[in-house]
């Protein structure tokens, strides 16, 4: 069934409230909209992939300023790397892992050191990507960028949690000037997803010419 909310003709508002209602029906997050749903469509929460996610203290840009990942809730507005505003549809915890990477600021345009899962991807736009793959933007797993200086191995403790944010649009999260992928929906990508071999090739070329 599909949730349709009476009394509101704004499609964006209806979409957002319907998301909240579907999540509430699935026991996730409160439905606090002023209108009552007439019909029901329960959203099934996705599953975060292993070795992905962002450490809870990492701050992402929102219209109200930077907000820690662990303080973000369903429905929170975030500013994407493109400058557009999107809404958080799901806040998920990734499967526990000990292995992560530390991206050091100010490299990659970061304004803070960032701990992320080794398989979590950065959206990098560069001439190197265009030269190698014919597309300006590529999605590179963090492990491929490890160099012992800008990107290093990071051991997570048992109390650390990595979070995944899924937005209502295919977009990258804005952390400083760095674009870090939000949890993608099936069939959606904001750039070319590199294979393991392509990621290693790109990283080698990118490191050799990256000066910031």
N, C-alpha and C. Protein backbone atom coordinates (compact mmCIF):
# COMPACT_ATOMS: atom_id res chain seq x y z
N UNK A 1 0.84 -1.19 0.00
CA UNK A 1 0.00 0.00 0.00
C UNK A 1 0.87 1.24 0.00
N UNK A 2 0.29 2.39 -0.33
CA UNK A 2 1.03 3.64 -0.41
C UNK A 2 0.44 4.63 0.57
N UNK A 3 1.29 5.31 1.30
CA UNK A 3 0.81 6.31 2.24
C UNK A 3 0.52 7.60 1.48
N UNK A 4 -0.70 8.09 1.63
CA UNK A 4 -1.08 9.37 1.06
C UNK A 4 -1.61 10.21 2.21
N UNK A 5 -1.12 11.44 2.33
CA UNK A 5 -1.49 12.26 3.47
C UNK A 5 -2.47 13.33 3.05
N UNK A 6 -3.63 13.35 3.70
CA UNK A 6 -4.66 14.30 3.34
C UNK A 6 -4.29 15.71 3.76
N UNK A 7 -4.77 16.70 3.01
CA UNK A 7 -4.65 18.08 3.41
C UNK A 7 -3.34 18.74 3.05
N UNK A 8 -2.43 18.05 2.40
CA UNK A 8 -1.16 18.66 2.04
C UNK A 8 -0.87 18.36 0.59
N UNK A 9 -0.79 19.40 -0.23
CA UNK A 9 -0.60 19.23 -1.66
C UNK A 9 0.85 19.43 -2.09
N UNK A 10 1.72 19.76 -1.14
CA UNK A 10 3.13 19.95 -1.47
C UNK A 10 3.78 18.57 -1.61
N UNK A 11 4.26 18.19 -2.82
CA UNK A 11 4.79 16.83 -3.00
C UNK A 11 6.03 16.56 -2.18
N UNK A 12 6.85 17.58 -1.92
CA UNK A 12 8.06 17.38 -1.12
C UNK A 12 7.68 17.07 0.31
N UNK A 13 6.73 17.84 0.86
CA UNK A 13 6.29 17.62 2.23
C UNK A 13 5.62 16.26 2.36
N UNK A 14 4.76 15.91 1.39
CA UNK A 14 4.11 14.60 1.42
C UNK A 14 5.14 13.48 1.39
N UNK A 15 6.18 13.66 0.57
CA UNK A 15 7.22 12.63 0.45
C UNK A 15 7.93 12.43 1.78
N UNK A 16 8.29 13.55 2.43
CA UNK A 16 9.05 13.45 3.68
C UNK A 16 8.20 12.86 4.79
N UNK A 17 6.95 13.30 4.89
CA UNK A 17 6.09 12.78 5.95
C UNK A 17 5.78 11.31 5.70
N UNK A 18 5.61 10.95 4.44
CA UNK A 18 5.35 9.54 4.12
C UNK A 18 6.53 8.67 4.54
N UNK A 19 7.75 9.18 4.33
CA UNK A 19 8.94 8.44 4.77
C UNK A 19 8.90 8.23 6.28
N UNK A 20 8.59 9.28 7.03
CA UNK A 20 8.55 9.17 8.48
C UNK A 20 7.47 8.18 8.92
N UNK A 21 6.34 8.24 8.23
CA UNK A 21 5.25 7.34 8.58
C UNK A 21 5.62 5.89 8.32
N UNK A 22 6.26 5.65 7.18
CA UNK A 22 6.67 4.30 6.85
C UNK A 22 7.68 3.76 7.85
N UNK A 23 8.60 4.62 8.26
CA UNK A 23 9.61 4.20 9.23
C UNK A 23 8.96 3.94 10.59
N UNK A 24 8.02 4.80 10.97
CA UNK A 24 7.34 4.61 12.25
C UNK A 24 6.58 3.29 12.26
N UNK A 25 5.97 2.95 11.14
CA UNK A 25 5.24 1.69 11.05
C UNK A 25 6.18 0.50 11.17
N UNK A 26 7.46 0.74 10.87
CA UNK A 26 8.45 -0.31 10.97
C UNK A 26 9.21 -0.24 12.29
N UNK A 27 8.73 0.62 13.19
CA UNK A 27 9.36 0.72 14.50
C UNK A 27 10.63 1.54 14.51
N UNK A 28 10.81 2.39 13.51
CA UNK A 28 12.05 3.18 13.42
C UNK A 28 11.69 4.66 13.37
N UNK A 29 12.02 5.39 14.42
CA UNK A 29 11.78 6.82 14.44
C UNK A 29 10.32 7.15 14.68
N UNK A 30 10.05 8.31 15.28
CA UNK A 30 8.67 8.70 15.56
C UNK A 30 8.00 9.30 14.33
N UNK A 31 6.70 9.12 14.21
CA UNK A 31 5.94 9.86 13.21
C UNK A 31 5.35 11.07 13.90
N UNK A 32 5.93 12.24 13.65
CA UNK A 32 5.51 13.43 14.38
C UNK A 32 4.86 14.46 13.47
N UNK A 33 4.44 14.04 12.27
CA UNK A 33 3.78 14.96 11.36
C UNK A 33 2.40 15.34 11.86
N UNK A 34 1.90 16.51 11.48
CA UNK A 34 0.59 16.97 11.96
C UNK A 34 -0.58 16.26 11.29
N UNK A 35 -0.32 15.54 10.19
CA UNK A 35 -1.38 14.90 9.44
C UNK A 35 -1.36 13.40 9.64
N UNK A 36 -2.51 12.80 9.56
CA UNK A 36 -2.60 11.36 9.77
C UNK A 36 -2.56 10.63 8.43
N UNK A 37 -1.80 9.55 8.34
CA UNK A 37 -1.74 8.79 7.09
C UNK A 37 -3.05 8.07 6.83
N UNK A 38 -3.41 8.02 5.54
CA UNK A 38 -4.64 7.32 5.15
C UNK A 38 -4.35 5.88 4.76
N UNK A 39 -3.24 5.67 4.06
CA UNK A 39 -2.87 4.34 3.61
C UNK A 39 -1.47 4.06 4.08
N UNK A 40 -0.97 2.84 3.87
CA UNK A 40 0.33 2.49 4.45
C UNK A 40 1.25 1.82 3.44
N UNK A 41 2.51 2.22 3.48
CA UNK A 41 3.57 1.57 2.73
C UNK A 41 4.79 1.54 3.63
N UNK A 42 5.17 0.40 4.14
CA UNK A 42 6.25 0.29 5.11
C UNK A 42 7.58 0.21 4.38
N UNK A 43 8.49 1.14 4.70
CA UNK A 43 9.82 1.12 4.12
C UNK A 43 10.68 0.07 4.84
N UNK A 44 11.36 -0.77 4.09
CA UNK A 44 12.25 -1.75 4.69
C UNK A 44 13.64 -1.16 4.85
N UNK A 45 14.16 -1.06 6.07
CA UNK A 45 15.48 -0.46 6.25
C UNK A 45 16.55 -1.26 5.51
N UNK A 46 17.48 -0.57 4.84
CA UNK A 46 18.56 -1.27 4.15
C UNK A 46 19.60 -1.76 5.15
N UNK A 47 20.60 -2.44 4.65
CA UNK A 47 21.67 -2.97 5.49
C UNK A 47 22.99 -2.34 5.08
N UNK A 48 23.72 -1.80 6.04
CA UNK A 48 25.02 -1.20 5.76
C UNK A 48 26.04 -2.28 5.44
N UNK A 49 26.87 -2.03 4.45
CA UNK A 49 27.88 -3.00 4.03
C UNK A 49 29.02 -3.07 5.05
N UNK A 50 29.66 -4.23 5.19
CA UNK A 50 30.80 -4.35 6.10
C UNK A 50 31.93 -3.40 5.71
N UNK A 51 32.69 -2.98 6.71
CA UNK A 51 33.87 -2.13 6.52
C UNK A 51 33.52 -0.75 5.95
N UNK A 52 32.25 -0.32 6.11
CA UNK A 52 31.88 1.02 5.69
C UNK A 52 31.38 1.79 6.90
N UNK A 53 31.14 3.08 6.71
CA UNK A 53 30.57 3.90 7.77
C UNK A 53 31.52 4.98 8.25
N UNK A 54 30.97 5.91 9.03
CA UNK A 54 31.69 7.07 9.52
C UNK A 54 31.64 7.08 11.04
N UNK A 55 32.74 7.45 11.67
CA UNK A 55 32.80 7.49 13.13
C UNK A 55 31.80 8.53 13.65
N UNK A 56 31.18 8.24 14.79
CA UNK A 56 30.09 9.07 15.28
C UNK A 56 30.45 10.53 15.53
N UNK A 57 31.69 10.82 15.90
CA UNK A 57 32.09 12.20 16.21
C UNK A 57 32.36 13.03 14.96
N UNK A 58 32.38 12.39 13.81
CA UNK A 58 32.65 13.11 12.56
C UNK A 58 31.52 14.09 12.28
N UNK A 59 31.85 15.32 11.93
CA UNK A 59 30.85 16.36 11.72
C UNK A 59 30.57 16.55 10.23
N UNK A 60 29.29 16.54 9.89
CA UNK A 60 28.87 16.80 8.51
C UNK A 60 28.15 18.13 8.46
N UNK A 61 28.13 18.74 7.29
CA UNK A 61 27.53 20.05 7.15
C UNK A 61 26.02 19.96 7.03
N UNK A 62 25.33 20.79 7.79
CA UNK A 62 23.87 20.91 7.72
C UNK A 62 23.54 22.39 7.59
N UNK A 63 22.30 22.74 7.24
CA UNK A 63 21.93 24.16 7.15
C UNK A 63 22.12 24.91 8.46
N UNK A 64 22.16 24.19 9.59
CA UNK A 64 22.33 24.83 10.89
C UNK A 64 23.79 24.81 11.36
N UNK A 65 24.69 24.36 10.51
CA UNK A 65 26.09 24.25 10.88
C UNK A 65 26.53 22.80 10.92
N UNK A 66 27.75 22.57 11.35
CA UNK A 66 28.26 21.21 11.41
C UNK A 66 27.61 20.43 12.55
N UNK A 67 27.26 19.18 12.26
CA UNK A 67 26.60 18.32 13.25
C UNK A 67 27.27 16.96 13.27
N UNK A 68 27.54 16.44 14.46
CA UNK A 68 28.16 15.12 14.58
C UNK A 68 27.22 14.04 14.05
N UNK A 69 27.80 13.06 13.38
CA UNK A 69 27.02 11.96 12.81
C UNK A 69 26.12 11.32 13.87
N UNK A 70 26.64 11.14 15.07
CA UNK A 70 25.89 10.45 16.11
C UNK A 70 24.69 11.26 16.60
N UNK A 71 24.61 12.54 16.25
CA UNK A 71 23.49 13.39 16.66
C UNK A 71 22.46 13.57 15.54
N UNK A 72 22.71 12.98 14.39
CA UNK A 72 21.80 13.13 13.26
C UNK A 72 20.67 12.11 13.38
N UNK A 73 19.47 12.55 13.03
CA UNK A 73 18.29 11.71 13.12
C UNK A 73 17.60 11.62 11.77
N UNK A 74 16.68 10.70 11.65
CA UNK A 74 15.88 10.58 10.44
C UNK A 74 15.15 11.90 10.21
N UNK A 75 15.22 12.42 9.00
CA UNK A 75 14.58 13.69 8.66
C UNK A 75 15.51 14.88 8.75
N UNK A 76 16.70 14.74 9.36
CA UNK A 76 17.65 15.84 9.44
C UNK A 76 18.06 16.29 8.05
N UNK A 77 18.14 17.59 7.84
CA UNK A 77 18.63 18.14 6.58
C UNK A 77 20.16 18.18 6.61
N UNK A 78 20.80 17.80 5.52
CA UNK A 78 22.25 17.90 5.39
C UNK A 78 22.56 18.60 4.07
N UNK A 79 23.69 19.26 4.04
CA UNK A 79 24.15 19.90 2.81
C UNK A 79 25.07 18.93 2.09
N UNK A 80 24.75 18.63 0.86
CA UNK A 80 25.54 17.70 0.06
C UNK A 80 26.78 18.39 -0.50
N UNK A 81 27.70 17.60 -0.99
CA UNK A 81 28.92 18.17 -1.57
C UNK A 81 28.62 19.08 -2.75
N UNK A 82 27.50 18.84 -3.44
CA UNK A 82 27.10 19.67 -4.58
C UNK A 82 26.52 21.00 -4.14
N UNK A 83 26.22 21.15 -2.85
CA UNK A 83 25.59 22.36 -2.34
C UNK A 83 24.09 22.21 -2.15
N UNK A 84 23.51 21.15 -2.70
CA UNK A 84 22.08 20.91 -2.54
C UNK A 84 21.78 20.42 -1.13
N UNK A 85 20.53 20.57 -0.72
CA UNK A 85 20.10 20.09 0.60
C UNK A 85 19.32 18.80 0.41
N UNK A 86 19.64 17.79 1.22
CA UNK A 86 18.93 16.52 1.19
C UNK A 86 18.49 16.17 2.61
N UNK A 87 17.57 15.22 2.70
CA UNK A 87 17.08 14.77 3.99
C UNK A 87 17.61 13.36 4.28
N UNK A 88 17.92 13.11 5.54
CA UNK A 88 18.38 11.79 5.95
C UNK A 88 17.18 10.85 6.03
N UNK A 89 17.24 9.77 5.29
CA UNK A 89 16.15 8.80 5.27
C UNK A 89 16.39 7.66 6.25
N UNK A 90 17.65 7.23 6.37
CA UNK A 90 17.99 6.15 7.30
C UNK A 90 19.29 6.50 8.02
N UNK A 91 19.37 6.18 9.30
CA UNK A 91 20.61 6.25 10.08
C UNK A 91 20.88 4.82 10.54
N UNK A 92 21.96 4.24 10.06
CA UNK A 92 22.25 2.83 10.31
C UNK A 92 23.62 2.67 10.93
N UNK A 93 23.81 1.60 11.66
CA UNK A 93 25.14 1.26 12.15
C UNK A 93 25.69 0.14 11.28
N UNK A 94 26.94 0.28 10.91
CA UNK A 94 27.60 -0.72 10.08
C UNK A 94 28.01 -1.90 10.96
N UNK A 95 28.22 -3.08 10.36
CA UNK A 95 28.70 -4.23 11.14
C UNK A 95 30.00 -3.89 11.87
N UNK A 96 30.18 -4.33 13.12
CA UNK A 96 31.39 -4.01 13.88
C UNK A 96 32.65 -4.46 13.15
N UNK A 97 33.68 -3.65 13.26
CA UNK A 97 34.97 -3.98 12.66
C UNK A 97 36.07 -3.31 13.47
N UNK A 98 37.26 -3.86 13.39
CA UNK A 98 38.42 -3.25 14.05
C UNK A 98 39.20 -2.36 13.10
N UNK A 99 38.98 -2.56 11.81
CA UNK A 99 39.85 -1.92 10.82
C UNK A 99 39.14 -0.74 10.15
N UNK A 100 39.77 0.41 10.22
CA UNK A 100 39.27 1.61 9.57
C UNK A 100 40.48 2.39 9.04
N UNK A 101 40.22 3.54 8.47
CA UNK A 101 41.31 4.40 8.03
C UNK A 101 41.09 5.80 8.58
N UNK A 102 42.19 6.50 8.72
CA UNK A 102 42.14 7.89 9.17
C UNK A 102 42.56 8.79 8.00
N UNK A 103 41.64 9.66 7.59
CA UNK A 103 41.94 10.65 6.56
C UNK A 103 42.35 11.93 7.28
N UNK A 104 43.55 12.38 7.03
CA UNK A 104 44.07 13.53 7.75
C UNK A 104 43.70 14.84 7.08
N UNK A 105 43.24 15.79 7.89
CA UNK A 105 43.01 17.15 7.40
C UNK A 105 44.35 17.89 7.37
N UNK A 106 44.53 18.80 6.40
CA UNK A 106 43.56 19.31 5.44
C UNK A 106 43.58 18.59 4.08
N UNK A 107 44.18 17.44 4.00
CA UNK A 107 44.21 16.72 2.73
C UNK A 107 42.79 16.38 2.28
N UNK A 108 42.62 16.29 0.98
CA UNK A 108 41.33 15.99 0.35
C UNK A 108 40.28 17.07 0.62
N UNK A 109 40.72 18.22 1.13
CA UNK A 109 39.78 19.30 1.43
C UNK A 109 39.09 19.14 2.76
N UNK A 110 39.52 18.20 3.57
CA UNK A 110 38.90 17.96 4.88
C UNK A 110 39.19 19.11 5.85
N UNK A 111 38.23 19.38 6.73
CA UNK A 111 38.44 20.36 7.78
C UNK A 111 38.59 19.70 9.16
N UNK A 112 38.70 18.38 9.17
CA UNK A 112 38.86 17.61 10.41
C UNK A 112 39.39 16.23 10.04
N UNK A 113 40.19 15.65 10.92
CA UNK A 113 40.59 14.27 10.70
C UNK A 113 39.34 13.39 10.71
N UNK A 114 39.29 12.43 9.81
CA UNK A 114 38.07 11.65 9.63
C UNK A 114 38.38 10.17 9.70
N UNK A 115 37.68 9.47 10.58
CA UNK A 115 37.81 8.02 10.71
C UNK A 115 36.62 7.38 9.98
N UNK A 116 36.92 6.57 8.97
CA UNK A 116 35.86 5.94 8.19
C UNK A 116 36.22 4.49 7.91
N UNK A 117 35.23 3.70 7.55
CA UNK A 117 35.48 2.31 7.20
C UNK A 117 36.39 2.20 5.99
N UNK A 118 37.21 1.15 5.98
CA UNK A 118 38.19 1.00 4.90
C UNK A 118 37.54 0.88 3.52
N UNK A 119 36.31 0.35 3.47
CA UNK A 119 35.62 0.20 2.19
C UNK A 119 34.72 1.39 1.86
N UNK A 120 34.65 2.35 2.76
CA UNK A 120 33.83 3.53 2.49
C UNK A 120 34.49 4.34 1.39
N UNK A 121 33.68 4.94 0.52
CA UNK A 121 34.22 5.55 -0.69
C UNK A 121 34.19 7.07 -0.66
N UNK A 122 35.25 7.65 -1.21
CA UNK A 122 35.31 9.08 -1.45
C UNK A 122 34.91 9.34 -2.89
N UNK A 123 34.18 10.41 -3.11
CA UNK A 123 33.85 10.84 -4.47
C UNK A 123 34.90 11.87 -4.88
N UNK A 124 35.78 11.48 -5.78
CA UNK A 124 36.90 12.33 -6.17
C UNK A 124 36.73 12.75 -7.63
N UNK A 125 36.76 14.04 -7.85
CA UNK A 125 36.69 14.59 -9.21
C UNK A 125 38.07 15.12 -9.58
N UNK A 126 38.65 14.60 -10.64
CA UNK A 126 40.00 15.02 -11.02
C UNK A 126 40.26 14.69 -12.48
N UNK A 127 41.29 15.34 -13.01
CA UNK A 127 41.72 15.06 -14.38
C UNK A 127 42.22 13.63 -14.50
N UNK A 128 42.76 13.09 -13.42
CA UNK A 128 43.26 11.71 -13.45
C UNK A 128 42.12 10.75 -13.76
N UNK A 129 40.97 10.98 -13.13
CA UNK A 129 39.82 10.12 -13.38
C UNK A 129 39.39 10.21 -14.84
N UNK A 130 39.34 11.42 -15.36
CA UNK A 130 38.96 11.59 -16.75
C UNK A 130 39.93 10.92 -17.70
N UNK A 131 41.21 11.02 -17.38
CA UNK A 131 42.24 10.42 -18.23
C UNK A 131 42.16 8.90 -18.22
N UNK A 132 41.98 8.31 -17.04
CA UNK A 132 42.00 6.86 -16.92
C UNK A 132 40.68 6.20 -17.33
N UNK A 133 39.56 6.83 -16.98
CA UNK A 133 38.27 6.16 -17.11
C UNK A 133 37.25 6.90 -17.96
N UNK A 134 37.60 8.09 -18.41
CA UNK A 134 36.67 8.84 -19.24
C UNK A 134 35.53 9.47 -18.47
N UNK A 135 35.59 9.46 -17.14
CA UNK A 135 34.61 10.11 -16.28
C UNK A 135 35.34 10.93 -15.24
N UNK A 136 34.86 12.15 -15.01
CA UNK A 136 35.57 13.06 -14.12
C UNK A 136 35.48 12.67 -12.65
N UNK A 137 34.39 12.02 -12.25
CA UNK A 137 34.18 11.68 -10.84
C UNK A 137 34.20 10.17 -10.66
N UNK A 138 35.00 9.72 -9.72
CA UNK A 138 35.08 8.29 -9.42
C UNK A 138 34.87 8.08 -7.92
N UNK A 139 34.38 6.90 -7.57
CA UNK A 139 34.18 6.53 -6.18
C UNK A 139 35.29 5.57 -5.77
N UNK A 140 36.14 6.03 -4.86
CA UNK A 140 37.37 5.32 -4.50
C UNK A 140 37.28 4.84 -3.06
N UNK A 141 37.46 3.55 -2.80
CA UNK A 141 37.46 3.08 -1.40
C UNK A 141 38.65 3.65 -0.65
N UNK A 142 38.43 3.97 0.60
CA UNK A 142 39.46 4.65 1.40
C UNK A 142 40.74 3.84 1.49
N UNK A 143 40.64 2.50 1.53
CA UNK A 143 41.85 1.68 1.68
C UNK A 143 42.83 1.91 0.53
N UNK A 144 42.32 2.22 -0.66
CA UNK A 144 43.19 2.38 -1.82
C UNK A 144 44.07 3.63 -1.69
N UNK A 145 43.66 4.57 -0.86
CA UNK A 145 44.38 5.84 -0.74
C UNK A 145 45.41 5.83 0.38
N UNK A 146 45.53 4.71 1.11
CA UNK A 146 46.49 4.66 2.22
C UNK A 146 47.91 4.87 1.71
N UNK A 147 48.61 5.79 2.36
CA UNK A 147 50.00 6.09 1.99
C UNK A 147 50.89 6.27 3.21
N UNK A 148 50.35 6.04 4.42
CA UNK A 148 51.14 6.18 5.63
C UNK A 148 51.29 7.60 6.10
N UNK A 149 50.71 8.56 5.38
CA UNK A 149 50.83 9.97 5.77
C UNK A 149 49.49 10.69 5.71
N UNK A 150 48.90 10.77 4.52
CA UNK A 150 47.60 11.43 4.38
C UNK A 150 46.47 10.50 4.81
N UNK A 151 46.64 9.23 4.52
CA UNK A 151 45.63 8.23 4.85
C UNK A 151 46.34 7.07 5.54
N UNK A 152 45.95 6.79 6.78
CA UNK A 152 46.64 5.77 7.56
C UNK A 152 45.64 4.75 8.12
N UNK A 153 46.17 3.59 8.48
CA UNK A 153 45.33 2.58 9.13
C UNK A 153 44.92 3.07 10.50
N UNK A 154 43.69 2.73 10.91
CA UNK A 154 43.19 3.13 12.23
C UNK A 154 42.50 1.93 12.87
N UNK A 155 42.93 1.60 14.07
CA UNK A 155 42.35 0.47 14.80
C UNK A 155 41.18 0.95 15.66
N UNK A 156 40.02 0.40 15.41
CA UNK A 156 38.84 0.77 16.18
C UNK A 156 38.75 -0.06 17.46
N UNK A 157 38.25 0.55 18.51
CA UNK A 157 38.03 -0.16 19.76
C UNK A 157 36.63 -0.74 19.83
N UNK A 158 36.34 -1.57 20.83
CA UNK A 158 35.03 -2.22 20.93
C UNK A 158 33.89 -1.24 21.15
N UNK A 159 34.18 -0.04 21.63
CA UNK A 159 33.12 0.94 21.87
C UNK A 159 32.88 1.85 20.68
N UNK A 160 33.67 1.75 19.66
CA UNK A 160 33.50 2.60 18.49
C UNK A 160 32.40 2.07 17.58
N UNK A 161 31.61 2.97 17.05
CA UNK A 161 30.55 2.61 16.11
C UNK A 161 30.71 3.41 14.84
N UNK A 162 30.56 2.75 13.71
CA UNK A 162 30.55 3.43 12.42
C UNK A 162 29.10 3.53 11.94
N UNK A 163 28.73 4.73 11.49
CA UNK A 163 27.36 5.00 11.07
C UNK A 163 27.29 5.20 9.56
N UNK A 164 26.17 4.79 9.00
CA UNK A 164 25.88 5.06 7.60
C UNK A 164 24.64 5.94 7.52
N UNK A 165 24.70 6.98 6.70
CA UNK A 165 23.55 7.84 6.44
C UNK A 165 23.07 7.60 5.02
N UNK A 166 21.79 7.31 4.87
CA UNK A 166 21.21 7.23 3.54
C UNK A 166 20.30 8.44 3.34
N UNK A 167 20.47 9.12 2.23
CA UNK A 167 19.72 10.33 1.95
C UNK A 167 18.55 10.03 1.02
N UNK A 168 17.70 11.02 0.83
CA UNK A 168 16.58 10.86 -0.10
C UNK A 168 16.97 11.22 -1.52
N UNK A 169 18.28 11.33 -1.76
CA UNK A 169 18.80 11.61 -3.10
C UNK A 169 20.20 11.00 -3.19
N UNK A 170 20.61 10.67 -4.40
CA UNK A 170 21.98 10.18 -4.61
C UNK A 170 22.93 11.36 -4.50
N UNK A 171 23.72 11.41 -3.44
CA UNK A 171 24.58 12.56 -3.19
C UNK A 171 25.69 12.17 -2.23
N UNK A 172 26.74 12.99 -2.22
CA UNK A 172 27.84 12.80 -1.29
C UNK A 172 27.70 13.75 -0.12
N UNK A 173 28.13 13.31 1.06
CA UNK A 173 28.12 14.16 2.24
C UNK A 173 29.25 15.18 2.15
N UNK A 174 29.02 16.34 2.68
CA UNK A 174 30.01 17.42 2.64
C UNK A 174 30.74 17.48 3.98
N UNK A 175 32.02 17.20 3.97
CA UNK A 175 32.85 17.30 5.16
C UNK A 175 34.01 18.23 4.79
N UNK A 176 33.93 19.49 5.23
CA UNK A 176 34.84 20.49 4.71
C UNK A 176 34.55 20.68 3.23
N UNK A 177 35.58 20.49 2.40
CA UNK A 177 35.38 20.50 0.94
C UNK A 177 35.52 19.10 0.36
N UNK A 178 35.47 18.11 1.23
CA UNK A 178 35.61 16.72 0.79
C UNK A 178 34.23 16.10 0.59
N UNK A 179 34.10 15.30 -0.46
CA UNK A 179 32.85 14.60 -0.75
C UNK A 179 33.01 13.14 -0.37
N UNK A 180 32.28 12.72 0.66
CA UNK A 180 32.33 11.33 1.11
C UNK A 180 30.96 10.71 0.87
N UNK A 181 30.93 9.56 0.23
CA UNK A 181 29.69 8.96 -0.22
C UNK A 181 28.74 8.67 0.94
N UNK A 182 27.47 9.03 0.76
CA UNK A 182 26.44 8.55 1.67
C UNK A 182 26.07 7.14 1.24
N UNK A 183 25.31 6.46 2.07
CA UNK A 183 24.97 5.08 1.73
C UNK A 183 24.13 5.05 0.46
N UNK A 184 24.62 4.41 -0.59
CA UNK A 184 23.89 4.45 -1.87
C UNK A 184 22.69 3.51 -1.87
N UNK A 185 21.69 3.89 -2.65
CA UNK A 185 20.58 2.98 -2.91
C UNK A 185 20.97 2.10 -4.09
N UNK A 186 20.31 0.96 -4.21
CA UNK A 186 20.60 0.04 -5.31
C UNK A 186 20.40 0.75 -6.64
N UNK A 187 21.41 0.64 -7.49
CA UNK A 187 21.30 1.20 -8.82
C UNK A 187 21.63 2.68 -8.92
N UNK A 188 21.99 3.31 -7.79
CA UNK A 188 22.31 4.73 -7.82
C UNK A 188 23.77 4.94 -7.46
N UNK A 189 24.44 5.78 -8.20
CA UNK A 189 25.84 6.11 -7.92
C UNK A 189 26.09 7.53 -8.40
N UNK A 190 26.97 8.24 -7.72
CA UNK A 190 27.26 9.63 -8.07
C UNK A 190 28.53 9.73 -8.89
N UNK A 191 29.06 8.60 -9.28
CA UNK A 191 30.26 8.57 -10.11
C UNK A 191 30.57 7.14 -10.48
N UNK A 192 31.66 6.94 -11.19
CA UNK A 192 32.05 5.58 -11.56
C UNK A 192 32.58 4.84 -10.34
N UNK A 193 31.99 3.70 -10.05
CA UNK A 193 32.44 2.86 -8.94
C UNK A 193 33.62 2.03 -9.42
N UNK A 194 34.78 2.25 -8.83
CA UNK A 194 35.99 1.58 -9.28
C UNK A 194 36.09 0.16 -8.74
N UNK A 195 36.59 -0.73 -9.57
CA UNK A 195 36.92 -2.07 -9.12
C UNK A 195 38.19 -2.01 -8.28
N UNK A 196 38.56 -3.12 -7.67
CA UNK A 196 39.77 -3.17 -6.86
C UNK A 196 41.00 -2.78 -7.68
N UNK A 197 41.12 -3.35 -8.88
CA UNK A 197 42.27 -3.04 -9.74
C UNK A 197 42.24 -1.58 -10.16
N UNK A 198 41.07 -1.08 -10.55
CA UNK A 198 40.96 0.31 -10.98
C UNK A 198 41.27 1.26 -9.82
N UNK A 199 40.84 0.91 -8.62
CA UNK A 199 41.10 1.76 -7.46
C UNK A 199 42.59 1.87 -7.18
N UNK A 200 43.29 0.75 -7.26
CA UNK A 200 44.74 0.79 -7.04
C UNK A 200 45.44 1.62 -8.11
N UNK A 201 45.01 1.46 -9.36
CA UNK A 201 45.59 2.21 -10.48
C UNK A 201 45.34 3.70 -10.29
N UNK A 202 44.10 4.05 -9.98
CA UNK A 202 43.76 5.46 -9.79
C UNK A 202 44.56 6.06 -8.64
N UNK A 203 44.63 5.35 -7.51
CA UNK A 203 45.32 5.88 -6.34
C UNK A 203 46.79 6.14 -6.63
N UNK A 204 47.43 5.24 -7.37
CA UNK A 204 48.85 5.42 -7.70
C UNK A 204 49.06 6.69 -8.54
N UNK A 205 48.21 6.88 -9.54
CA UNK A 205 48.33 8.07 -10.39
C UNK A 205 47.94 9.33 -9.62
N UNK A 206 46.90 9.23 -8.81
CA UNK A 206 46.40 10.38 -8.07
C UNK A 206 47.41 10.86 -7.05
N UNK A 207 48.05 9.93 -6.33
CA UNK A 207 49.06 10.31 -5.33
C UNK A 207 50.24 11.01 -5.97
N UNK A 208 50.62 10.57 -7.15
CA UNK A 208 51.82 11.12 -7.77
C UNK A 208 51.64 12.57 -8.21
N UNK A 209 50.38 12.98 -8.43
CA UNK A 209 50.18 14.34 -8.90
C UNK A 209 49.38 15.22 -7.96
N UNK A 210 49.04 14.68 -6.77
CA UNK A 210 48.20 15.44 -5.84
C UNK A 210 49.08 16.20 -4.86
N UNK A 211 48.95 17.52 -4.83
CA UNK A 211 49.87 18.33 -4.05
C UNK A 211 49.26 18.96 -2.80
N UNK A 212 47.92 18.94 -2.65
CA UNK A 212 47.31 19.67 -1.54
C UNK A 212 47.39 18.85 -0.26
